[in-house]
Amino acid sequence: MKLGIIALLGVSTTLVGCIPKIEVAAPKEPITINMNVKVDHDITIKADPEVERLLKQRQAEKTPEKMQVPGQPTTKSAN
């Protein structure tokens, strides 16, 4: 019985000495992340035909007659 207890103590002390040691330390050099990223956007806006007509009409009112796009009807303001 005493021999079993001594053997158990011997084995347990041997196993305790074999526990791996884990150490966390900060790196000596800074961490560098190279990100070569190309971002490309394609935005499409759809509008109701009536809204498009209204926007074109208001743009024509703000554009002087000399700068209007050919083929676009000229609108004269009542000043």
PDB file of N, CA and C in Angstrom:
ATOM      1  N   MET A   1       0.822  -1.186   0.000  1.00  0.00           N
ATOM      2  CA  MET A   1       0.000   0.000   0.000  1.00  0.00           C
ATOM      3  C   MET A   1       0.872   1.258   0.000  1.00  0.00           C
ATOM      4  N   LYS A   2       1.890   1.294   0.864  1.00  0.00           N
ATOM      5  CA  LYS A   2       2.786   2.435   0.913  1.00  0.00           C
ATOM      6  C   LYS A   2       3.552   2.576  -0.397  1.00  0.00           C
ATOM      7  N   LEU A   3       3.877   1.434  -0.978  1.00  0.00           N
ATOM      8  CA  LEU A   3       4.604   1.469  -2.241  1.00  0.00           C
ATOM      9  C   LEU A   3       3.729   2.082  -3.341  1.00  0.00           C
ATOM     10  N   GLY A   4       2.419   1.778  -3.327  1.00  0.00           N
ATOM     11  CA  GLY A   4       1.477   2.326  -4.308  1.00  0.00           C
ATOM     12  C   GLY A   4       1.324   3.825  -4.162  1.00  0.00           C
ATOM     13  N   ILE A   5       1.296   4.307  -2.917  1.00  0.00           N
ATOM     14  CA  ILE A   5       1.154   5.744  -2.665  1.00  0.00           C
ATOM     15  C   ILE A   5       2.425   6.467  -3.113  1.00  0.00           C
ATOM     16  N   ILE A   6       3.571   5.896  -2.835  1.00  0.00           N
ATOM     17  CA  ILE A   6       4.829   6.504  -3.240  1.00  0.00           C
ATOM     18  C   ILE A   6       4.925   6.535  -4.768  1.00  0.00           C
ATOM     19  N   ALA A   7       4.522   5.434  -5.403  1.00  0.00           N
ATOM     20  CA  ALA A   7       4.550   5.388  -6.862  1.00  0.00           C
ATOM     21  C   ALA A   7       3.593   6.424  -7.450  1.00  0.00           C
ATOM     22  N   LEU A   8       2.408   6.566  -6.843  1.00  0.00           N
ATOM     23  CA  LEU A   8       1.418   7.548  -7.304  1.00  0.00           C
ATOM     24  C   LEU A   8       1.971   8.966  -7.161  1.00  0.00           C
ATOM     25  N   LEU A   9       2.620   9.262  -6.054  1.00  0.00           N
ATOM     26  CA  LEU A   9       3.203  10.583  -5.861  1.00  0.00           C
ATOM     27  C   LEU A   9       4.331  10.839  -6.865  1.00  0.00           C
ATOM     28  N   GLY A  10       5.115   9.833  -7.135  1.00  0.00           N
ATOM     29  CA  GLY A  10       6.214   9.970  -8.090  1.00  0.00           C
ATOM     30  C   GLY A  10       5.696  10.225  -9.498  1.00  0.00           C
ATOM     31  N   VAL A  11       4.665   9.486  -9.884  1.00  0.00           N
ATOM     32  CA  VAL A  11       4.086   9.669 -11.221  1.00  0.00           C
ATOM     33  C   VAL A  11       3.411  11.033 -11.330  1.00  0.00           C
ATOM     34  N   SER A  12       2.688  11.451 -10.280  1.00  0.00           N
ATOM     35  CA  SER A  12       1.986  12.744 -10.339  1.00  0.00           C
ATOM     36  C   SER A  12       2.974  13.900 -10.399  1.00  0.00           C
ATOM     37  N   THR A  13       4.107  13.838  -9.652  1.00  0.00           N
ATOM     38  CA  THR A  13       5.091  14.919  -9.739  1.00  0.00           C
ATOM     39  C   THR A  13       5.766  14.931 -11.106  1.00  0.00           C
ATOM     40  N   THR A  14       5.937  13.783 -11.708  1.00  0.00           N
ATOM     41  CA  THR A  14       6.528  13.724 -13.045  1.00  0.00           C
ATOM     42  C   THR A  14       5.575  14.341 -14.058  1.00  0.00           C
ATOM     43  N   LEU A  15       4.294  14.064 -13.953  1.00  0.00           N
ATOM     44  CA  LEU A  15       3.315  14.623 -14.892  1.00  0.00           C
ATOM     45  C   LEU A  15       3.141  16.123 -14.712  1.00  0.00           C
ATOM     46  N   VAL A  16       3.232  16.615 -13.493  1.00  0.00           N
ATOM     47  CA  VAL A  16       3.106  18.056 -13.248  1.00  0.00           C
ATOM     48  C   VAL A  16       4.269  18.785 -13.904  1.00  0.00           C
ATOM     49  N   GLY A  17       5.435  18.217 -13.912  1.00  0.00           N
ATOM     50  CA  GLY A  17       6.594  18.828 -14.539  1.00  0.00           C
ATOM     51  C   GLY A  17       6.513  18.851 -16.052  1.00  0.00           C
ATOM     52  N   CYS A  18       5.613  18.075 -16.663  1.00  0.00           N
ATOM     53  CA  CYS A  18       5.499  17.992 -18.124  1.00  0.00           C
ATOM     54  C   CYS A  18       4.394  18.867 -18.691  1.00  0.00           C
ATOM     55  N   ILE A  19       3.812  19.736 -17.876  1.00  0.00           N
ATOM     56  CA  ILE A  19       2.739  20.604 -18.375  1.00  0.00           C
ATOM     57  C   ILE A  19       3.376  21.655 -19.287  1.00  0.00           C
ATOM     58  N   PRO A  20       2.875  21.823 -20.520  1.00  0.00           N
ATOM     59  CA  PRO A  20       3.477  22.794 -21.440  1.00  0.00           C
ATOM     60  C   PRO A  20       3.236  24.226 -20.957  1.00  0.00           C
ATOM     61  N   LYS A  21       4.197  25.075 -21.178  1.00  0.00           N
ATOM     62  CA  LYS A  21       4.115  26.468 -20.765  1.00  0.00           C
ATOM     63  C   LYS A  21       3.726  27.304 -21.985  1.00  0.00           C
ATOM     64  N   ILE A  22       2.651  28.052 -21.872  1.00  0.00           N
ATOM     65  CA  ILE A  22       2.176  28.907 -22.955  1.00  0.00           C
ATOM     66  C   ILE A  22       2.440  30.354 -22.564  1.00  0.00           C
ATOM     67  N   GLU A  23       3.105  31.081 -23.455  1.00  0.00           N
ATOM     68  CA  GLU A  23       3.447  32.460 -23.172  1.00  0.00           C
ATOM     69  C   GLU A  23       2.953  33.345 -24.311  1.00  0.00           C
ATOM     70  N   VAL A  24       2.271  34.426 -23.956  1.00  0.00           N
ATOM     71  CA  VAL A  24       1.774  35.371 -24.948  1.00  0.00           C
ATOM     72  C   VAL A  24       2.615  36.640 -24.838  1.00  0.00           C
ATOM     73  N   ALA A  25       3.215  37.040 -25.953  1.00  0.00           N
ATOM     74  CA  ALA A  25       4.056  38.234 -25.949  1.00  0.00           C
ATOM     75  C   ALA A  25       3.792  39.034 -27.215  1.00  0.00           C
ATOM     76  N   ALA A  26       3.937  40.339 -27.108  1.00  0.00           N
ATOM     77  CA  ALA A  26       3.748  41.216 -28.269  1.00  0.00           C
ATOM     78  C   ALA A  26       4.944  41.070 -29.208  1.00  0.00           C
ATOM     79  N   PRO A  27       4.723  41.159 -30.525  1.00  0.00           N
ATOM     80  CA  PRO A  27       5.846  41.063 -31.455  1.00  0.00           C
ATOM     81  C   PRO A  27       6.750  42.292 -31.357  1.00  0.00           C
ATOM     82  N   LYS A  28       8.009  42.124 -31.675  1.00  0.00           N
ATOM     83  CA  LYS A  28       8.974  43.232 -31.611  1.00  0.00           C
ATOM     84  C   LYS A  28       8.794  44.186 -32.788  1.00  0.00           C
ATOM     85  N   GLU A  29       8.343  43.686 -33.930  1.00  0.00           N
ATOM     86  CA  GLU A  29       8.110  44.519 -35.105  1.00  0.00           C
ATOM     87  C   GLU A  29       6.610  44.746 -35.265  1.00  0.00           C
ATOM     88  N   PRO A  30       6.216  45.912 -35.798  1.00  0.00           N
ATOM     89  CA  PRO A  30       4.778  46.153 -36.003  1.00  0.00           C
ATOM     90  C   PRO A  30       4.215  45.233 -37.086  1.00  0.00           C
ATOM     91  N   ILE A  31       2.946  44.937 -36.964  1.00  0.00           N
ATOM     92  CA  ILE A  31       2.266  44.095 -37.944  1.00  0.00           C
ATOM     93  C   ILE A  31       1.924  44.970 -39.148  1.00  0.00           C
ATOM     94  N   THR A  32       2.304  44.530 -40.337  1.00  0.00           N
ATOM     95  CA  THR A  32       2.037  45.272 -41.564  1.00  0.00           C
ATOM     96  C   THR A  32       1.061  44.479 -42.412  1.00  0.00           C
ATOM     97  N   ILE A  33      -0.003  45.145 -42.845  1.00  0.00           N
ATOM     98  CA  ILE A  33      -0.999  44.508 -43.707  1.00  0.00           C
ATOM     99  C   ILE A  33      -1.040  45.294 -45.012  1.00  0.00           C
ATOM    100  N   ASN A  34      -0.659  44.652 -46.097  1.00  0.00           N
ATOM    101  CA  ASN A  34      -0.713  45.282 -47.423  1.00  0.00           C
ATOM    102  C   ASN A  34      -2.033  44.923 -48.078  1.00  0.00           C
ATOM    103  N   MET A  35      -2.835  45.936 -48.336  1.00  0.00           N
ATOM    104  CA  MET A  35      -4.139  45.697 -48.962  1.00  0.00           C
ATOM    105  C   MET A  35      -4.176  46.413 -50.299  1.00  0.00           C
ATOM    106  N   ASN A  36      -4.050  45.663 -51.353  1.00  0.00           N
ATOM    107  CA  ASN A  36      -4.179  46.210 -52.700  1.00  0.00           C
ATOM    108  C   ASN A  36      -5.605  45.927 -53.158  1.00  0.00           C
ATOM    109  N   VAL A  37      -6.473  46.886 -52.934  1.00  0.00           N
ATOM    110  CA  VAL A  37      -7.895  46.700 -53.206  1.00  0.00           C
ATOM    111  C   VAL A  37      -8.341  47.727 -54.236  1.00  0.00           C
ATOM    112  N   LYS A  38      -9.063  47.273 -55.227  1.00  0.00           N
ATOM    113  CA  LYS A  38      -9.636  48.176 -56.224  1.00  0.00           C
ATOM    114  C   LYS A  38     -11.149  48.157 -56.023  1.00  0.00           C
ATOM    115  N   VAL A  39     -11.704  49.299 -55.727  1.00  0.00           N
ATOM    116  CA  VAL A  39     -13.142  49.422 -55.510  1.00  0.00           C
ATOM    117  C   VAL A  39     -13.736  50.099 -56.732  1.00  0.00           C
ATOM    118  N   ASP A  40     -14.705  49.456 -57.341  1.00  0.00           N
ATOM    119  CA  ASP A  40     -15.347  49.986 -58.539  1.00  0.00           C
ATOM    120  C   ASP A  40     -16.851  49.973 -58.306  1.00  0.00           C
ATOM    121  N   HIS A  41     -17.481  51.118 -58.470  1.00  0.00           N
ATOM    122  CA  HIS A  41     -18.921  51.231 -58.234  1.00  0.00           C
ATOM    123  C   HIS A  41     -19.641  51.539 -59.543  1.00  0.00           C
ATOM    124  N   ASP A  42     -20.804  50.991 -59.669  1.00  0.00           N
ATOM    125  CA  ASP A  42     -21.669  51.294 -60.800  1.00  0.00           C
ATOM    126  C   ASP A  42     -23.050  51.576 -60.229  1.00  0.00           C
ATOM    127  N   ILE A  43     -23.474  52.824 -60.270  1.00  0.00           N
ATOM    128  CA  ILE A  43     -24.745  53.218 -59.671  1.00  0.00           C
ATOM    129  C   ILE A  43     -25.721  53.557 -60.796  1.00  0.00           C
ATOM    130  N   THR A  44     -26.875  52.929 -60.758  1.00  0.00           N
ATOM    131  CA  THR A  44     -27.918  53.159 -61.746  1.00  0.00           C
ATOM    132  C   THR A  44     -29.155  53.694 -61.034  1.00  0.00           C
ATOM    133  N   ILE A  45     -29.661  54.806 -61.522  1.00  0.00           N
ATOM    134  CA  ILE A  45     -30.870  55.393 -60.945  1.00  0.00           C
ATOM    135  C   ILE A  45     -31.957  55.364 -62.010  1.00  0.00           C
ATOM    136  N   LYS A  46     -33.080  54.783 -61.643  1.00  0.00           N
ATOM    137  CA  LYS A  46     -34.218  54.748 -62.561  1.00  0.00           C
ATOM    138  C   LYS A  46     -35.282  55.700 -62.026  1.00  0.00           C
ATOM    139  N   ALA A  47     -35.867  56.468 -62.929  1.00  0.00           N
ATOM    140  CA  ALA A  47     -36.902  57.422 -62.542  1.00  0.00           C
ATOM    141  C   ALA A  47     -38.134  57.212 -63.405  1.00  0.00           C
ATOM    142  N   ASP A  48     -39.237  57.604 -62.869  1.00  0.00           N
ATOM    143  CA  ASP A  48     -40.499  57.554 -63.581  1.00  0.00           C
ATOM    144  C   ASP A  48     -40.398  58.482 -64.800  1.00  0.00           C
ATOM    145  N   PRO A  49     -40.971  58.115 -65.965  1.00  0.00           N
ATOM    146  CA  PRO A  49     -40.877  58.982 -67.158  1.00  0.00           C
ATOM    147  C   PRO A  49     -41.368  60.409 -66.896  1.00  0.00           C
ATOM    148  N   GLU A  50     -42.376  60.566 -66.057  1.00  0.00           N
ATOM    149  CA  GLU A  50     -42.886  61.914 -65.754  1.00  0.00           C
ATOM    150  C   GLU A  50     -41.847  62.719 -64.979  1.00  0.00           C
ATOM    151  N   VAL A  51     -41.137  62.050 -64.072  1.00  0.00           N
ATOM    152  CA  VAL A  51     -40.093  62.730 -63.301  1.00  0.00           C
ATOM    153  C   VAL A  51     -38.949  63.125 -64.234  1.00  0.00           C
ATOM    154  N   GLU A  52     -38.563  62.255 -65.156  1.00  0.00           N
ATOM    155  CA  GLU A  52     -37.508  62.581 -66.112  1.00  0.00           C
ATOM    156  C   GLU A  52     -37.902  63.793 -66.944  1.00  0.00           C
ATOM    157  N   ARG A  53     -39.151  63.837 -67.390  1.00  0.00           N
ATOM    158  CA  ARG A  53     -39.643  64.968 -68.178  1.00  0.00           C
ATOM    159  C   ARG A  53     -39.575  66.255 -67.356  1.00  0.00           C
ATOM    160  N   LEU A  54     -39.969  66.177 -66.088  1.00  0.00           N
ATOM    161  CA  LEU A  54     -39.949  67.346 -65.216  1.00  0.00           C
ATOM    162  C   LEU A  54     -38.511  67.831 -64.976  1.00  0.00           C
ATOM    163  N   LEU A  55     -37.584  66.894 -64.765  1.00  0.00           N
ATOM    164  CA  LEU A  55     -36.187  67.267 -64.559  1.00  0.00           C
ATOM    165  C   LEU A  55     -35.606  67.937 -65.803  1.00  0.00           C
ATOM    166  N   LYS A  56     -35.912  67.400 -66.984  1.00  0.00           N
ATOM    167  CA  LYS A  56     -35.426  68.005 -68.230  1.00  0.00           C
ATOM    168  C   LYS A  56     -36.016  69.396 -68.413  1.00  0.00           C
ATOM    169  N   GLN A  57     -37.293  69.556 -68.050  1.00  0.00           N
ATOM    170  CA  GLN A  57     -37.954  70.849 -68.196  1.00  0.00           C
ATOM    171  C   GLN A  57     -37.311  71.877 -67.265  1.00  0.00           C
ATOM    172  N   ARG A  58     -37.050  71.502 -66.031  1.00  0.00           N
ATOM    173  CA  ARG A  58     -36.438  72.439 -65.075  1.00  0.00           C
ATOM    174  C   ARG A  58     -35.002  72.762 -65.472  1.00  0.00           C
ATOM    175  N   GLN A  59     -34.280  71.778 -65.998  1.00  0.00           N
ATOM    176  CA  GLN A  59     -32.913  72.032 -66.448  1.00  0.00           C
ATOM    177  C   GLN A  59     -32.919  73.012 -67.621  1.00  0.00           C
ATOM    178  N   ALA A  60     -33.898  72.876 -68.520  1.00  0.00           N
ATOM    179  CA  ALA A  60     -34.003  73.787 -69.667  1.00  0.00           C
ATOM    180  C   ALA A  60     -34.317  75.203 -69.192  1.00  0.00           C
ATOM    181  N   GLU A  61     -35.091  75.329 -68.116  1.00  0.00           N
ATOM    182  CA  GLU A  61     -35.422  76.656 -67.591  1.00  0.00           C
ATOM    183  C   GLU A  61     -34.194  77.317 -66.982  1.00  0.00           C
ATOM    184  N   LYS A  62     -33.291  76.543 -66.393  1.00  0.00           N
ATOM    185  CA  LYS A  62     -32.101  77.097 -65.752  1.00  0.00           C
ATOM    186  C   LYS A  62     -30.975  77.356 -66.748  1.00  0.00           C
ATOM    187  N   THR A  63     -30.972  76.670 -67.896  1.00  0.00           N
ATOM    188  CA  THR A  63     -29.905  76.795 -68.883  1.00  0.00           C
ATOM    189  C   THR A  63     -30.193  77.982 -69.789  1.00  0.00           C
ATOM    190  N   PRO A  64     -29.206  78.883 -69.978  1.00  0.00           N
ATOM    191  CA  PRO A  64     -29.420  79.995 -70.922  1.00  0.00           C
ATOM    192  C   PRO A  64     -29.651  79.454 -72.328  1.00  0.00           C
ATOM    193  N   GLU A  65     -30.341  80.226 -73.166  1.00  0.00           N
ATOM    194  CA  GLU A  65     -30.714  79.760 -74.509  1.00  0.00           C
ATOM    195  C   GLU A  65     -29.500  79.422 -75.351  1.00  0.00           C
ATOM    196  N   LYS A  66     -28.395  80.153 -75.200  1.00  0.00           N
ATOM    197  CA  LYS A  66     -27.207  79.877 -75.999  1.00  0.00           C
ATOM    198  C   LYS A  66     -26.568  78.550 -75.630  1.00  0.00           C
ATOM    199  N   MET A  67     -26.779  78.095 -74.402  1.00  0.00           N
ATOM    200  CA  MET A  67     -26.121  76.882 -73.934  1.00  0.00           C
ATOM    201  C   MET A  67     -27.022  75.654 -74.003  1.00  0.00           C
ATOM    202  N   GLN A  68     -28.240  75.816 -74.505  1.00  0.00           N
ATOM    203  CA  GLN A  68     -29.153  74.682 -74.557  1.00  0.00           C
ATOM    204  C   GLN A  68     -28.678  73.646 -75.566  1.00  0.00           C
ATOM    205  N   VAL A  69     -29.058  72.425 -75.290  1.00  0.00           N
ATOM    206  CA  VAL A  69     -28.704  71.304 -76.151  1.00  0.00           C
ATOM    207  C   VAL A  69     -29.516  71.400 -77.432  1.00  0.00           C
ATOM    208  N   PRO A  70     -28.903  71.195 -78.611  1.00  0.00           N
ATOM    209  CA  PRO A  70     -29.661  71.273 -79.864  1.00  0.00           C
ATOM    210  C   PRO A  70     -30.773  70.224 -79.886  1.00  0.00           C
ATOM    211  N   GLY A  71     -31.889  70.619 -80.392  1.00  0.00           N
ATOM    212  CA  GLY A  71     -33.027  69.702 -80.486  1.00  0.00           C
ATOM    213  C   GLY A  71     -33.928  69.776 -79.273  1.00  0.00           C
ATOM    214  N   GLN A  72     -33.503  70.509 -78.236  1.00  0.00           N
ATOM    215  CA  GLN A  72     -34.316  70.643 -77.040  1.00  0.00           C
ATOM    216  C   GLN A  72     -35.203  71.879 -77.209  1.00  0.00           C
ATOM    217  N   PRO A  73     -36.487  71.756 -76.857  1.00  0.00           N
ATOM    218  CA  PRO A  73     -37.372  72.931 -77.036  1.00  0.00           C
ATOM    219  C   PRO A  73     -36.951  74.052 -76.110  1.00  0.00           C
ATOM    220  N   THR A  74     -37.011  75.291 -76.624  1.00  0.00           N
ATOM    221  CA  THR A  74     -36.665  76.455 -75.802  1.00  0.00           C
ATOM    222  C   THR A  74     -37.898  76.919 -75.086  1.00  0.00           C
ATOM    223  N   THR A  75     -37.725  77.194 -73.821  1.00  0.00           N
ATOM    224  CA  THR A  75     -38.836  77.736 -73.018  1.00  0.00           C
ATOM    225  C   THR A  75     -38.456  79.125 -72.571  1.00  0.00           C
ATOM    226  N   LYS A  76     -39.331  80.067 -72.751  1.00  0.00           N
ATOM    227  CA  LYS A  76     -39.054  81.436 -72.350  1.00  0.00           C
ATOM    228  C   LYS A  76     -39.804  81.730 -71.071  1.00  0.00           C
ATOM    229  N   SER A  77     -39.082  82.354 -70.148  1.00  0.00           N
ATOM    230  CA  SER A  77     -39.720  82.691 -68.876  1.00  0.00           C
ATOM    231  C   SER A  77     -40.458  84.027 -69.024  1.00  0.00           C
ATOM    232  N   ALA A  78     -41.501  84.235 -68.247  1.00  0.00           N
ATOM    233  CA  ALA A  78     -42.309  85.457 -68.333  1.00  0.00           C
ATOM    234  C   ALA A  78     -41.787  86.452 -67.323  1.00  0.00           C
ATOM    235  N   ASN A  79     -40.649  87.119 -67.632  1.00  0.00           N
ATOM    236  CA  ASN A  79     -40.092  88.145 -66.734  1.00  0.00           C
ATOM    237  C   ASN A  79     -40.446  89.507 -67.203  1.00  0.00           C
TER     238      ASN A  79
END
